[in-house]
Every structure is written in C-alpha cells, then in structure tokens.
Amino acid sequence: MKCKAPIFISAFLLTTGQHLSAQNIAIKTNALYWATTTPNAGVEMSLGEKSTAQMFFGLNPWKQSGGDQSSLRHWMLMPEYRHWFCQSFNGWFVGAHLMGGEFNAGGVKLPFGLLSTLEHHRYEGWFVGGGITAGYQWPLSRHWNLETSLGFGYDYIQYDKMKCGSCGEKLKTGHTNYVGPTKAAVSLVYVIN
C-alpha cells in the first residue's frame, strides 16, 4: 500500500490553516475504530461559533496475531465539515464527510456474517466516497469531551480478489458501489482553548 495521506493532510492544513490563530482546536481518537486494532487520530478546529472542520486518519499496518495469516491492513483519511446547533464542540451537529484509502484484507471472519467471502479470500484495492454525519458532543470538563457520531454515504471500491494467503492467485479484478454506514464513532476529545 502506498501511503498518500501526508499529501491530503498537508492540503487540508494549508486551506484551513489561516483560521488556527484564535480558535479552538480539538484532538480526538475513536474507541470503536481502536476495537479493530486500528490506531487513529483526528484534529478538529473551529471555523466560527457554529462550524468546525476536522481531519481524521486511521492506519492498520499489521497482520493479526496467531499465525493464521488474517489481515485487516488499511489506511483511511476522512475530512469533514460540521455545523453545530448550539456552539462548536457542544451539543448536536450535522456534517458532510469525504473519505478515501487503501486496503489489503483477508482470512477474517467478521461477526453477523458480514463480508462472508473475506474469510476465505483476500481483497486488495482502494476506495473513495463521502456522506453525511450526525452526532452529539458532551463536555466532560474544561478540556475533555465525549462524542458519538454516525455517518451514512457512498463509496466506490476498486479491488483485486485473491485466494486466501499472502501469495494467493488473483481470481478477479472488479469494483463495487457501496451505499450504507460509512462511519461509527465513540470518541474521546481533548479541546485546546
């Protein structure tokens, strides 16, 4: 996987950097994303009293432990604009997000029969898409907040399907159009005033 994330992050910071001087900035991490063994972090900054922009990044660079060749390796970048109904970093918000990344996954049995072919095949490729978000943020103290959010949208996914294993024979090259949940987060947020 070629990591193009630094280019996206730099472009985002250059276009929004002019607003950083006297605004609130928050650093966050999504506990639900950590449950997939994916380290992740986000930076969100206020653009006004009722609007913020955030950049979120997740990277899972390793195979799973246990010697079974299972893998959920991927990286994902998700910029998002939010409108807050009360004030930035407090209460209900709605937003629009974009997303993109690359993946190399296989040998994994997911709960509830989700992506059942992933157990016996490996998929490698990339995705790009976007959607809408809704959520709520609770201030816990002067600097700490708790946030929940859900997103729904569309992803275009380009992939190669291979027999399971790191050197599997390529069975198919294809693409799919996904419509459904694109985000689920329970995040711990540190707000820098």
Protein backbone atom coordinates (compact mmCIF):
# COMPACT_ATOMS: atom_id res chain seq x y z
CA MET A 1 0.00 0.00 0.00
CA LYS A 2 1.34 3.39 -0.97
CA CYS A 3 0.51 5.95 1.71
CA LYS A 4 -0.71 9.19 0.14
CA ALA A 5 -2.16 10.51 3.40
CA PRO A 6 0.55 13.16 4.06
CA ILE A 7 -0.42 14.91 0.81
CA PHE A 8 -4.10 15.07 1.83
CA ILE A 9 -3.27 16.23 5.36
CA SER A 10 -0.92 18.96 4.09
CA ALA A 11 -3.53 20.24 1.62
CA PHE A 12 -6.21 20.30 4.34
CA LEU A 13 -3.98 22.21 6.78
CA LEU A 14 -2.91 24.70 4.12
CA THR A 15 -6.50 25.51 3.19
CA THR A 16 -7.72 25.81 6.77
CA GLY A 17 -4.54 27.00 8.50
CA GLN A 18 -5.49 30.64 8.25
CA HIS A 19 -8.23 30.04 10.87
CA LEU A 20 -6.00 28.48 13.54
CA SER A 21 -4.71 31.52 15.40
CA ALA A 22 -7.57 32.39 17.78
CA GLN A 23 -9.79 29.34 17.50
CA ASN A 24 -10.41 26.18 19.47
CA ILE A 25 -8.63 23.06 18.31
CA ALA A 26 -9.50 19.54 19.42
CA ILE A 27 -7.52 16.31 19.26
CA LYS A 28 -9.56 13.10 19.26
CA THR A 29 -9.49 9.35 18.91
CA ASN A 30 -12.30 6.89 18.10
CA ALA A 31 -12.61 3.98 20.58
CA LEU A 32 -14.73 1.93 18.14
CA TYR A 33 -12.00 2.16 15.50
CA TRP A 34 -9.42 1.02 18.09
CA ALA A 35 -11.58 -2.12 18.55
CA THR A 36 -10.48 -3.15 15.02
CA THR A 37 -6.83 -2.80 16.20
CA THR A 38 -6.54 0.41 14.17
CA PRO A 39 -4.62 3.32 15.70
CA ASN A 40 -6.40 6.54 14.79
CA ALA A 41 -6.39 10.25 15.50
CA GLY A 42 -8.19 13.35 14.39
CA VAL A 43 -7.74 17.10 14.59
CA GLU A 44 -10.78 19.39 14.58
CA MET A 45 -10.73 23.18 14.51
CA SER A 46 -13.45 25.77 14.84
CA LEU A 47 -14.09 27.93 11.81
CA GLY A 48 -16.70 30.05 13.58
CA GLU A 49 -19.08 29.91 16.51
CA LYS A 50 -21.15 27.10 14.94
CA SER A 51 -18.85 25.44 12.41
CA THR A 52 -15.78 23.21 12.52
CA ALA A 53 -13.60 21.23 10.13
CA GLN A 54 -11.81 18.04 11.02
CA MET A 55 -9.27 15.67 9.50
CA PHE A 56 -9.32 12.08 10.71
CA PHE A 57 -6.73 9.39 9.92
CA GLY A 58 -6.59 5.65 10.70
CA LEU A 59 -3.76 3.23 9.91
CA ASN A 60 -3.70 -0.52 10.49
CA PRO A 61 -0.32 -1.70 9.09
CA TRP A 62 -0.02 -5.21 10.52
CA LYS A 63 -1.29 -8.75 10.14
CA GLN A 64 -3.31 -10.15 13.01
CA SER A 65 -1.56 -12.25 15.65
CA GLY A 66 -1.98 -16.02 15.92
CA GLY A 67 -0.18 -17.10 12.74
CA ASP A 68 -3.43 -17.58 10.79
CA GLN A 69 -2.48 -15.05 8.04
CA SER A 70 -5.56 -12.93 8.78
CA SER A 71 -5.21 -9.27 7.92
CA LEU A 72 -7.24 -6.05 8.09
CA ARG A 73 -4.43 -3.79 6.88
CA HIS A 74 -5.60 -0.42 5.60
CA TRP A 75 -5.29 3.32 5.85
CA MET A 76 -8.15 5.79 5.70
CA LEU A 77 -8.38 9.57 5.58
CA MET A 78 -11.66 11.39 6.32
CA PRO A 79 -12.02 15.19 6.15
CA GLU A 80 -15.32 16.54 7.47
CA TYR A 81 -17.16 19.85 7.77
CA ARG A 82 -19.63 20.22 10.68
CA HIS A 83 -22.43 22.62 11.58
CA TRP A 84 -23.25 22.80 15.31
CA PHE A 85 -26.74 23.71 16.51
CA CYS A 86 -25.60 25.16 19.86
CA GLN A 87 -21.91 26.07 19.59
CA SER A 88 -18.73 24.41 18.36
CA PHE A 89 -17.72 21.36 20.44
CA ASN A 90 -21.01 21.30 22.37
CA GLY A 91 -24.29 19.52 21.62
CA TRP A 92 -25.80 18.30 18.34
CA PHE A 93 -24.09 18.63 14.97
CA VAL A 94 -24.55 17.56 11.35
CA GLY A 95 -21.78 17.33 8.81
CA ALA A 96 -20.55 16.23 5.42
CA HIS A 97 -17.51 13.99 5.05
CA LEU A 98 -15.27 12.67 2.30
CA MET A 99 -13.21 9.53 2.65
CA GLY A 100 -10.55 7.58 0.86
CA GLY A 101 -7.92 4.96 1.46
CA GLU A 102 -6.38 1.63 0.55
CA PHE A 103 -6.85 -1.87 1.97
CA ASN A 104 -5.35 -5.38 1.98
CA ALA A 105 -7.64 -7.70 3.94
CA GLY A 106 -8.32 -11.42 4.11
CA GLY A 107 -8.64 -14.51 6.27
CA VAL A 108 -11.01 -12.72 8.65
CA LYS A 109 -14.36 -13.96 9.93
CA LEU A 110 -16.48 -10.95 10.79
CA PRO A 111 -19.47 -11.12 13.16
CA PHE A 112 -23.06 -11.39 11.93
CA GLY A 113 -21.94 -12.88 8.59
CA LEU A 114 -20.69 -9.51 7.33
CA LEU A 115 -18.50 -9.79 4.22
CA SER A 116 -18.53 -13.60 4.46
CA THR A 117 -16.15 -14.06 1.48
CA LEU A 118 -13.44 -12.24 3.44
CA GLU A 119 -12.86 -15.42 5.49
CA HIS A 120 -11.59 -17.46 2.50
CA HIS A 121 -10.31 -14.75 0.14
CA ARG A 122 -8.02 -11.74 0.24
CA TYR A 123 -9.02 -8.34 -1.19
CA GLU A 124 -6.58 -5.59 -2.11
CA GLY A 125 -7.55 -2.19 -3.51
CA TRP A 126 -8.69 1.34 -2.80
CA PHE A 127 -11.89 3.27 -2.07
CA VAL A 128 -13.20 6.82 -2.28
CA GLY A 129 -16.53 8.30 -1.25
CA GLY A 130 -18.42 10.55 1.08
CA GLY A 131 -21.55 11.02 3.09
CA ILE A 132 -23.40 12.84 5.84
CA THR A 133 -22.80 12.68 9.57
CA ALA A 134 -24.88 13.39 12.66
CA GLY A 135 -23.69 13.32 16.24
CA TYR A 136 -23.56 14.80 19.70
CA GLN A 137 -20.71 16.01 21.91
CA TRP A 138 -20.83 16.21 25.72
CA PRO A 139 -18.38 18.48 27.57
CA LEU A 140 -16.99 16.45 30.50
CA SER A 141 -14.65 19.13 31.86
CA ARG A 142 -12.93 22.30 30.63
CA HIS A 143 -10.77 20.34 28.16
CA TRP A 144 -12.33 16.87 27.83
CA ASN A 145 -15.40 15.94 25.76
CA LEU A 146 -17.10 12.72 24.71
CA GLU A 147 -18.53 12.44 21.21
CA THR A 148 -20.76 9.96 19.41
CA SER A 149 -21.49 10.11 15.69
CA LEU A 150 -22.86 8.07 12.80
CA GLY A 151 -22.33 8.54 9.09
CA PHE A 152 -24.18 7.29 6.04
CA GLY A 153 -22.99 7.58 2.46
CA TYR A 154 -21.46 6.12 -0.69
CA ASP A 155 -18.09 4.52 -1.52
CA TYR A 156 -16.67 3.45 -4.87
CA ILE A 157 -14.42 0.43 -4.21
CA GLN A 158 -11.87 -0.92 -6.71
CA TYR A 159 -10.35 -4.30 -5.75
CA ASP A 160 -8.45 -7.46 -6.70
CA LYS A 161 -9.85 -10.69 -5.23
CA MET A 162 -7.32 -13.45 -4.48
CA LYS A 163 -7.21 -16.90 -2.98
CA CYS A 164 -6.56 -16.62 0.74
CA GLY A 165 -2.92 -16.28 1.77
CA SER A 166 -0.23 -13.74 1.10
CA CYS A 167 0.74 -15.22 -2.31
CA GLY A 168 -2.75 -16.20 -3.48
CA GLU A 169 -3.66 -16.43 -7.14
CA LYS A 170 -5.66 -13.47 -8.47
CA LEU A 171 -9.24 -14.60 -9.13
CA LYS A 172 -10.88 -11.34 -10.17
CA THR A 173 -10.43 -7.62 -10.63
CA GLY A 174 -13.55 -5.59 -10.11
CA HIS A 175 -15.33 -2.72 -8.45
CA THR A 176 -18.42 -2.24 -6.37
CA ASN A 177 -20.64 0.66 -5.33
CA TYR A 178 -21.37 0.66 -1.61
CA VAL A 179 -24.24 2.60 -0.02
CA GLY A 180 -24.68 2.34 3.74
CA PRO A 181 -22.99 3.25 7.03
CA THR A 182 -19.64 4.95 6.45
CA LYS A 183 -18.83 5.97 9.99
CA ALA A 184 -19.48 4.97 13.62
CA ALA A 185 -17.62 6.74 16.39
CA VAL A 186 -17.42 6.99 20.14
CA SER A 187 -14.57 9.45 20.56
CA LEU A 188 -12.61 10.90 23.43
CA VAL A 189 -11.88 14.55 22.64
CA TYR A 190 -9.29 16.92 24.13
CA VAL A 191 -10.19 20.57 23.43
CA ILE A 192 -7.41 23.16 23.44
CA ASN A 193 -8.94 26.58 24.22
